[in-house]
């Protein structure tokens, strides 16, 4: 009986770890855009270039110019 309790605790612990770690790997449009924006900002240090707007501004602009579905 004790072995079953230990096994249940181990399975529960591993399930919790898997669920928590999977949340860390979520890739969203925002994260991809912010990654590209950060790379552009890093590469353009010392140069005068137009910076990408933040994601909220980008999203609003994109909604305005894209046709409604």
PDB file of N, CA and C in Angstrom:
ATOM      1  N   UNK A   1       0.828  -1.193   0.000  1.00  0.00           N
ATOM      2  CA  UNK A   1       0.000   0.000   0.000  1.00  0.00           C
ATOM      3  C   UNK A   1       0.869   1.251   0.000  1.00  0.00           C
ATOM      4  N   UNK A   2       1.969   1.199   0.745  1.00  0.00           N
ATOM      5  CA  UNK A   2       2.835   2.370   0.831  1.00  0.00           C
ATOM      6  C   UNK A   2       3.488   2.661  -0.522  1.00  0.00           C
ATOM      7  N   UNK A   3       3.838   1.628  -1.251  1.00  0.00           N
ATOM      8  CA  UNK A   3       4.438   1.797  -2.566  1.00  0.00           C
ATOM      9  C   UNK A   3       3.489   2.491  -3.536  1.00  0.00           C
ATOM     10  N   UNK A   4       2.187   2.191  -3.419  1.00  0.00           N
ATOM     11  CA  UNK A   4       1.191   2.814  -4.290  1.00  0.00           C
ATOM     12  C   UNK A   4       1.068   4.308  -3.991  1.00  0.00           C
ATOM     13  N   UNK A   5       1.162   4.674  -2.715  1.00  0.00           N
ATOM     14  CA  UNK A   5       1.071   6.081  -2.325  1.00  0.00           C
ATOM     15  C   UNK A   5       2.291   6.845  -2.840  1.00  0.00           C
ATOM     16  N   UNK A   6       3.455   6.263  -2.714  1.00  0.00           N
ATOM     17  CA  UNK A   6       4.680   6.904  -3.195  1.00  0.00           C
ATOM     18  C   UNK A   6       4.621   7.061  -4.716  1.00  0.00           C
ATOM     19  N   UNK A   7       4.163   6.027  -5.383  1.00  0.00           N
ATOM     20  CA  UNK A   7       4.049   6.084  -6.846  1.00  0.00           C
ATOM     21  C   UNK A   7       3.055   7.167  -7.275  1.00  0.00           C
ATOM     22  N   UNK A   8       1.926   7.261  -6.571  1.00  0.00           N
ATOM     23  CA  UNK A   8       0.925   8.278  -6.876  1.00  0.00           C
ATOM     24  C   UNK A   8       1.502   9.673  -6.675  1.00  0.00           C
ATOM     25  N   UNK A   9       2.270   9.871  -5.617  1.00  0.00           N
ATOM     26  CA  UNK A   9       2.889  11.179  -5.374  1.00  0.00           C
ATOM     27  C   UNK A   9       3.903  11.519  -6.469  1.00  0.00           C
ATOM     28  N   UNK A  10       4.676  10.533  -6.877  1.00  0.00           N
ATOM     29  CA  UNK A  10       5.669  10.767  -7.945  1.00  0.00           C
ATOM     30  C   UNK A  10       4.981  11.119  -9.255  1.00  0.00           C
ATOM     31  N   UNK A  11       3.945  10.385  -9.595  1.00  0.00           N
ATOM     32  CA  UNK A  11       3.214  10.661 -10.841  1.00  0.00           C
ATOM     33  C   UNK A  11       2.575  12.046 -10.774  1.00  0.00           C
ATOM     34  N   UNK A  12       2.011  12.389  -9.634  1.00  0.00           N
ATOM     35  CA  UNK A  12       1.399  13.709  -9.469  1.00  0.00           C
ATOM     36  C   UNK A  12       2.444  14.810  -9.598  1.00  0.00           C
ATOM     37  N   UNK A  13       3.599  14.606  -8.996  1.00  0.00           N
ATOM     38  CA  UNK A  13       4.677  15.598  -9.068  1.00  0.00           C
ATOM     39  C   UNK A  13       5.141  15.775 -10.509  1.00  0.00           C
ATOM     40  N   UNK A  14       5.375  14.689 -11.219  1.00  0.00           N
ATOM     41  CA  UNK A  14       5.835  14.783 -12.611  1.00  0.00           C
ATOM     42  C   UNK A  14       4.776  15.413 -13.510  1.00  0.00           C
ATOM     43  N   UNK A  15       3.507  15.117 -13.258  1.00  0.00           N
ATOM     44  CA  UNK A  15       2.433  15.730 -14.043  1.00  0.00           C
ATOM     45  C   UNK A  15       2.412  17.242 -13.816  1.00  0.00           C
ATOM     46  N   UNK A  16       2.583  17.664 -12.576  1.00  0.00           N
ATOM     47  CA  UNK A  16       2.616  19.087 -12.261  1.00  0.00           C
ATOM     48  C   UNK A  16       3.803  19.770 -12.936  1.00  0.00           C
ATOM     49  N   UNK A  17       4.962  19.143 -12.893  1.00  0.00           N
ATOM     50  CA  UNK A  17       6.158  19.703 -13.530  1.00  0.00           C
ATOM     51  C   UNK A  17       5.947  19.843 -15.037  1.00  0.00           C
ATOM     52  N   UNK A  18       5.380  18.835 -15.660  1.00  0.00           N
ATOM     53  CA  UNK A  18       5.145  18.873 -17.106  1.00  0.00           C
ATOM     54  C   UNK A  18       4.175  19.997 -17.467  1.00  0.00           C
ATOM     55  N   UNK A  19       3.126  20.143 -16.687  1.00  0.00           N
ATOM     56  CA  UNK A  19       2.147  21.203 -16.958  1.00  0.00           C
ATOM     57  C   UNK A  19       2.790  22.573 -16.804  1.00  0.00           C
ATOM     58  N   UNK A  20       3.566  22.779 -15.755  1.00  0.00           N
ATOM     59  CA  UNK A  20       4.199  24.077 -15.526  1.00  0.00           C
ATOM     60  C   UNK A  20       5.241  24.391 -16.591  1.00  0.00           C
ATOM     61  N   UNK A  21       6.013  23.399 -17.004  1.00  0.00           N
ATOM     62  CA  UNK A  21       7.032  23.642 -18.023  1.00  0.00           C
ATOM     63  C   UNK A  21       6.427  23.874 -19.406  1.00  0.00           C
ATOM     64  N   UNK A  22       5.306  23.260 -19.676  1.00  0.00           N
ATOM     65  CA  UNK A  22       4.683  23.483 -20.983  1.00  0.00           C
ATOM     66  C   UNK A  22       4.181  24.908 -21.115  1.00  0.00           C
ATOM     67  N   UNK A  23       3.810  25.532 -20.015  1.00  0.00           N
ATOM     68  CA  UNK A  23       3.369  26.923 -20.061  1.00  0.00           C
ATOM     69  C   UNK A  23       4.532  27.851 -20.400  1.00  0.00           C
ATOM     70  N   UNK A  24       5.745  27.466 -20.080  1.00  0.00           N
ATOM     71  CA  UNK A  24       6.908  28.294 -20.392  1.00  0.00           C
ATOM     72  C   UNK A  24       7.199  28.316 -21.889  1.00  0.00           C
ATOM     73  N   UNK A  25       6.773  27.333 -22.604  1.00  0.00           N
ATOM     74  CA  UNK A  25       7.098  27.223 -24.015  1.00  0.00           C
ATOM     75  C   UNK A  25       6.031  27.776 -24.941  1.00  0.00           C
ATOM     76  N   UNK A  26       5.083  28.507 -24.406  1.00  0.00           N
ATOM     77  CA  UNK A  26       4.020  29.035 -25.253  1.00  0.00           C
ATOM     78  C   UNK A  26       4.578  30.103 -26.188  1.00  0.00           C
ATOM     79  N   UNK A  27       4.314  29.940 -27.456  1.00  0.00           N
ATOM     80  CA  UNK A  27       4.760  30.906 -28.450  1.00  0.00           C
ATOM     81  C   UNK A  27       3.523  31.624 -28.970  1.00  0.00           C
ATOM     82  N   UNK A  28       3.512  32.923 -28.796  1.00  0.00           N
ATOM     83  CA  UNK A  28       2.388  33.723 -29.251  1.00  0.00           C
ATOM     84  C   UNK A  28       2.856  34.697 -30.314  1.00  0.00           C
ATOM     85  N   UNK A  29       1.905  35.317 -30.986  1.00  0.00           N
ATOM     86  CA  UNK A  29       2.255  36.332 -31.976  1.00  0.00           C
ATOM     87  C   UNK A  29       3.040  37.455 -31.316  1.00  0.00           C
ATOM     88  N   UNK A  30       2.612  37.815 -30.108  1.00  0.00           N
ATOM     89  CA  UNK A  30       3.273  38.902 -29.387  1.00  0.00           C
ATOM     90  C   UNK A  30       4.733  38.563 -29.091  1.00  0.00           C
ATOM     91  N   UNK A  31       4.993  37.336 -28.647  1.00  0.00           N
ATOM     92  CA  UNK A  31       6.365  36.975 -28.294  1.00  0.00           C
ATOM     93  C   UNK A  31       7.268  36.942 -29.524  1.00  0.00           C
ATOM     94  N   UNK A  32       6.736  36.464 -30.640  1.00  0.00           N
ATOM     95  CA  UNK A  32       7.526  36.448 -31.877  1.00  0.00           C
ATOM     96  C   UNK A  32       7.825  37.870 -32.325  1.00  0.00           C
ATOM     97  N   UNK A  33       6.809  38.728 -32.310  1.00  0.00           N
ATOM     98  CA  UNK A  33       6.991  40.119 -32.727  1.00  0.00           C
ATOM     99  C   UNK A  33       7.992  40.833 -31.825  1.00  0.00           C
ATOM    100  N   UNK A  34       7.852  40.656 -30.514  1.00  0.00           N
ATOM    101  CA  UNK A  34       8.766  41.320 -29.583  1.00  0.00           C
ATOM    102  C   UNK A  34      10.192  40.806 -29.745  1.00  0.00           C
ATOM    103  N   UNK A  35      10.353  39.525 -30.088  1.00  0.00           N
ATOM    104  CA  UNK A  35      11.682  38.984 -30.345  1.00  0.00           C
ATOM    105  C   UNK A  35      12.322  39.627 -31.563  1.00  0.00           C
ATOM    106  N   UNK A  36      11.537  39.769 -32.626  1.00  0.00           N
ATOM    107  CA  UNK A  36      12.047  40.429 -33.834  1.00  0.00           C
ATOM    108  C   UNK A  36      12.377  41.882 -33.535  1.00  0.00           C
ATOM    109  N   UNK A  37      11.524  42.531 -32.787  1.00  0.00           N
ATOM    110  CA  UNK A  37      11.746  43.941 -32.424  1.00  0.00           C
ATOM    111  C   UNK A  37      13.029  44.109 -31.602  1.00  0.00           C
ATOM    112  N   UNK A  38      13.265  43.198 -30.667  1.00  0.00           N
ATOM    113  CA  UNK A  38      14.473  43.259 -29.843  1.00  0.00           C
ATOM    114  C   UNK A  38      15.727  43.040 -30.689  1.00  0.00           C
ATOM    115  N   UNK A  39      15.665  42.109 -31.644  1.00  0.00           N
ATOM    116  CA  UNK A  39      16.812  41.878 -32.529  1.00  0.00           C
ATOM    117  C   UNK A  39      17.093  43.104 -33.382  1.00  0.00           C
ATOM    118  N   UNK A  40      16.038  43.721 -33.902  1.00  0.00           N
ATOM    119  CA  UNK A  40      16.223  44.903 -34.727  1.00  0.00           C
ATOM    120  C   UNK A  40      16.840  46.033 -33.895  1.00  0.00           C
ATOM    121  N   UNK A  41      16.367  46.187 -32.667  1.00  0.00           N
ATOM    122  CA  UNK A  41      16.885  47.253 -31.808  1.00  0.00           C
ATOM    123  C   UNK A  41      18.364  47.014 -31.505  1.00  0.00           C
ATOM    124  N   UNK A  42      18.741  45.753 -31.274  1.00  0.00           N
ATOM    125  CA  UNK A  42      20.130  45.418 -30.972  1.00  0.00           C
ATOM    126  C   UNK A  42      21.034  45.695 -32.171  1.00  0.00           C
ATOM    127  N   UNK A  43      20.582  45.323 -33.354  1.00  0.00           N
ATOM    128  CA  UNK A  43      21.393  45.495 -34.555  1.00  0.00           C
ATOM    129  C   UNK A  43      21.530  46.947 -34.971  1.00  0.00           C
ATOM    130  N   UNK A  44      20.561  47.781 -34.606  1.00  0.00           N
ATOM    131  CA  UNK A  44      20.584  49.157 -35.069  1.00  0.00           C
ATOM    132  C   UNK A  44      21.210  50.127 -34.065  1.00  0.00           C
ATOM    133  N   UNK A  45      21.825  49.626 -33.012  1.00  0.00           N
ATOM    134  CA  UNK A  45      22.461  50.525 -32.043  1.00  0.00           C
ATOM    135  C   UNK A  45      23.561  51.316 -32.742  1.00  0.00           C
ATOM    136  N   UNK A  46      23.516  52.619 -32.560  1.00  0.00           N
ATOM    137  CA  UNK A  46      24.512  53.486 -33.180  1.00  0.00           C
ATOM    138  C   UNK A  46      24.093  53.965 -34.554  1.00  0.00           C
ATOM    139  N   UNK A  47      23.035  53.395 -35.106  1.00  0.00           N
ATOM    140  CA  UNK A  47      22.530  53.802 -36.414  1.00  0.00           C
ATOM    141  C   UNK A  47      21.160  54.442 -36.229  1.00  0.00           C
ATOM    142  N   UNK A  48      20.849  55.376 -37.095  1.00  0.00           N
ATOM    143  CA  UNK A  48      19.532  55.999 -37.040  1.00  0.00           C
ATOM    144  C   UNK A  48      18.621  55.244 -37.999  1.00  0.00           C
ATOM    145  N   UNK A  49      17.748  54.437 -37.437  1.00  0.00           N
ATOM    146  CA  UNK A  49      16.783  53.692 -38.239  1.00  0.00           C
ATOM    147  C   UNK A  49      15.423  53.786 -37.566  1.00  0.00           C
ATOM    148  N   UNK A  50      14.404  53.566 -38.352  1.00  0.00           N
ATOM    149  CA  UNK A  50      13.060  53.592 -37.801  1.00  0.00           C
ATOM    150  C   UNK A  50      12.838  52.335 -36.966  1.00  0.00           C
ATOM    151  N   UNK A  51      12.451  52.518 -35.722  1.00  0.00           N
ATOM    152  CA  UNK A  51      12.200  51.388 -34.823  1.00  0.00           C
ATOM    153  C   UNK A  51      10.789  50.863 -35.027  1.00  0.00           C
ATOM    154  N   UNK A  52      10.623  49.572 -34.842  1.00  0.00           N
ATOM    155  CA  UNK A  52       9.294  48.990 -34.902  1.00  0.00           C
ATOM    156  C   UNK A  52       8.484  49.458 -33.693  1.00  0.00           C
ATOM    157  N   UNK A  53       7.183  49.685 -33.877  1.00  0.00           N
ATOM    158  CA  UNK A  53       6.345  50.078 -32.726  1.00  0.00           C
ATOM    159  C   UNK A  53       6.118  48.884 -31.803  1.00  0.00           C
ATOM    160  N   UNK A  54       5.579  49.153 -30.622  1.00  0.00           N
ATOM    161  CA  UNK A  54       5.283  48.047 -29.719  1.00  0.00           C
ATOM    162  C   UNK A  54       4.154  47.203 -30.311  1.00  0.00           C
ATOM    163  N   UNK A  55       3.917  46.045 -29.746  1.00  0.00           N
ATOM    164  CA  UNK A  55       2.979  45.089 -30.340  1.00  0.00           C
ATOM    165  C   UNK A  55       1.559  45.639 -30.397  1.00  0.00           C
ATOM    166  N   UNK A  56       1.127  46.355 -29.362  1.00  0.00           N
ATOM    167  CA  UNK A  56      -0.239  46.875 -29.356  1.00  0.00           C
ATOM    168  C   UNK A  56      -0.469  47.851 -30.506  1.00  0.00           C
ATOM    169  N   UNK A  57       0.487  48.741 -30.743  1.00  0.00           N
ATOM    170  CA  UNK A  57       0.389  49.692 -31.848  1.00  0.00           C
ATOM    171  C   UNK A  57       0.405  48.950 -33.177  1.00  0.00           C
ATOM    172  N   UNK A  58       1.301  47.991 -33.304  1.00  0.00           N
ATOM    173  CA  UNK A  58       1.388  47.184 -34.524  1.00  0.00           C
ATOM    174  C   UNK A  58       0.078  46.465 -34.793  1.00  0.00           C
ATOM    175  N   UNK A  59      -0.496  45.879 -33.769  1.00  0.00           N
ATOM    176  CA  UNK A  59      -1.738  45.128 -33.912  1.00  0.00           C
ATOM    177  C   UNK A  59      -2.879  46.041 -34.363  1.00  0.00           C
ATOM    178  N   UNK A  60      -2.970  47.243 -33.790  1.00  0.00           N
ATOM    179  CA  UNK A  60      -4.010  48.196 -34.188  1.00  0.00           C
ATOM    180  C   UNK A  60      -3.840  48.604 -35.645  1.00  0.00           C
ATOM    181  N   UNK A  61      -2.604  48.913 -36.039  1.00  0.00           N
ATOM    182  CA  UNK A  61      -2.344  49.308 -37.422  1.00  0.00           C
ATOM    183  C   UNK A  61      -2.686  48.179 -38.384  1.00  0.00           C
ATOM    184  N   UNK A  62      -2.352  46.963 -38.027  1.00  0.00           N
ATOM    185  CA  UNK A  62      -2.622  45.822 -38.875  1.00  0.00           C
ATOM    186  C   UNK A  62      -4.118  45.591 -39.037  1.00  0.00           C
ATOM    187  N   UNK A  63      -4.876  45.788 -37.958  1.00  0.00           N
ATOM    188  CA  UNK A  63      -6.326  45.625 -38.033  1.00  0.00           C
ATOM    189  C   UNK A  63      -6.958  46.688 -38.925  1.00  0.00           C
ATOM    190  N   UNK A  64      -6.392  47.901 -38.893  1.00  0.00           N
ATOM    191  CA  UNK A  64      -6.956  48.990 -39.689  1.00  0.00           C
ATOM    192  C   UNK A  64      -6.768  48.750 -41.192  1.00  0.00           C
ATOM    193  N   UNK A  65      -5.640  48.191 -41.597  1.00  0.00           N
ATOM    194  CA  UNK A  65      -5.374  48.035 -43.022  1.00  0.00           C
ATOM    195  C   UNK A  65      -5.811  46.679 -43.575  1.00  0.00           C
ATOM    196  N   UNK A  66      -6.034  45.704 -42.716  1.00  0.00           N
ATOM    197  CA  UNK A  66      -6.435  44.387 -43.230  1.00  0.00           C
ATOM    198  C   UNK A  66      -7.947  44.363 -43.419  1.00  0.00           C
ATOM    199  N   UNK A  67      -8.403  43.666 -44.454  1.00  0.00           N
ATOM    200  CA  UNK A  67      -9.854  43.603 -44.687  1.00  0.00           C
ATOM    201  C   UNK A  67     -10.542  42.782 -43.594  1.00  0.00           C
ATOM    202  N   UNK A  68     -11.741  43.176 -43.301  1.00  0.00           N
ATOM    203  CA  UNK A  68     -12.521  42.451 -42.290  1.00  0.00           C
ATOM    204  C   UNK A  68     -12.951  41.106 -42.839  1.00  0.00           C
ATOM    205  N   UNK A  69     -12.910  40.106 -41.999  1.00  0.00           N
ATOM    206  CA  UNK A  69     -13.306  38.760 -42.438  1.00  0.00           C
ATOM    207  C   UNK A  69     -14.714  38.480 -42.048  1.00  0.00           C
TER     208      UNK A  69
END
